[in-house]
């Protein structure tokens, strides 16, 4: 649900910093729920995955 221009900007900056981008196939409400939040999430950065399974959830929604 992220606007195309914003999505392009994020992908561009990720490419410059050699950071991978994972696209979530679900809705922004589902992404917020997966992150344990009660609000919609359009873009999320994971700096330390820890023991969470957020990256596995994104793979399941592809």
Protein backbone atom coordinates (compact mmCIF):
# COMPACT_ATOMS: atom_id res chain seq x y z
CA UNK A 1 0.00 0.00 0.00
CA UNK A 2 3.01 2.29 -0.25
CA UNK A 3 2.82 4.90 -3.01
CA UNK A 4 4.96 4.00 -6.06
CA UNK A 5 7.25 7.03 -5.77
CA UNK A 6 8.00 6.30 -2.10
CA UNK A 7 8.61 2.64 -2.96
CA UNK A 8 11.09 3.64 -5.69
CA UNK A 9 12.93 5.96 -3.32
CA UNK A 10 13.28 3.27 -0.69
CA UNK A 11 14.49 0.71 -3.23
CA UNK A 12 17.00 3.24 -4.60
CA UNK A 13 18.45 4.06 -1.18
CA UNK A 14 18.54 0.38 -0.27
CA UNK A 15 20.49 -0.31 -3.46
CA UNK A 16 22.98 2.45 -2.62
CA UNK A 17 23.52 1.04 0.87
CA UNK A 18 23.59 -2.57 -0.42
CA UNK A 19 20.63 -3.47 1.80
CA UNK A 20 18.07 -6.06 0.81
CA UNK A 21 14.41 -5.17 0.41
CA UNK A 22 11.68 -7.69 1.17
CA UNK A 23 8.23 -6.96 -0.24
CA UNK A 24 5.33 -7.96 1.98
CA UNK A 25 2.48 -9.46 -0.02
CA UNK A 26 -0.20 -8.75 2.57
CA UNK A 27 -1.88 -5.54 3.63
CA UNK A 28 -0.40 -2.82 5.79
CA UNK A 29 -2.78 -3.91 8.57
CA UNK A 30 -1.38 -7.46 8.39
CA UNK A 31 2.18 -6.11 8.48
CA UNK A 32 1.36 -4.07 11.58
CA UNK A 33 -0.16 -7.12 13.22
CA UNK A 34 2.90 -9.23 12.34
CA UNK A 35 5.07 -6.58 14.00
CA UNK A 36 2.89 -6.66 17.11
CA UNK A 37 1.47 -3.18 16.54
CA UNK A 38 -2.15 -2.05 16.64
CA UNK A 39 -1.75 0.33 13.70
CA UNK A 40 -1.07 0.05 9.98
CA UNK A 41 2.57 -0.22 8.91
CA UNK A 42 3.57 0.81 5.39
CA UNK A 43 7.35 0.49 5.68
CA UNK A 44 9.40 -1.27 8.33
CA UNK A 45 13.12 -1.63 8.92
CA UNK A 46 14.54 -4.61 10.76
CA UNK A 47 17.93 -3.84 12.28
CA UNK A 48 18.13 -6.94 14.49
CA UNK A 49 15.81 -9.86 13.86
CA UNK A 50 16.54 -11.43 17.22
CA UNK A 51 14.35 -14.45 17.87
CA UNK A 52 11.37 -13.09 15.93
CA UNK A 53 10.06 -14.78 12.82
CA UNK A 54 9.11 -11.61 10.90
CA UNK A 55 11.24 -12.52 7.90
CA UNK A 56 9.62 -15.97 7.81
CA UNK A 57 6.18 -14.35 7.87
CA UNK A 58 7.09 -12.19 4.87
CA UNK A 59 8.27 -15.26 2.96
CA UNK A 60 4.96 -17.04 3.68
CA UNK A 61 2.95 -14.12 2.27
CA UNK A 62 4.68 -14.13 -1.12
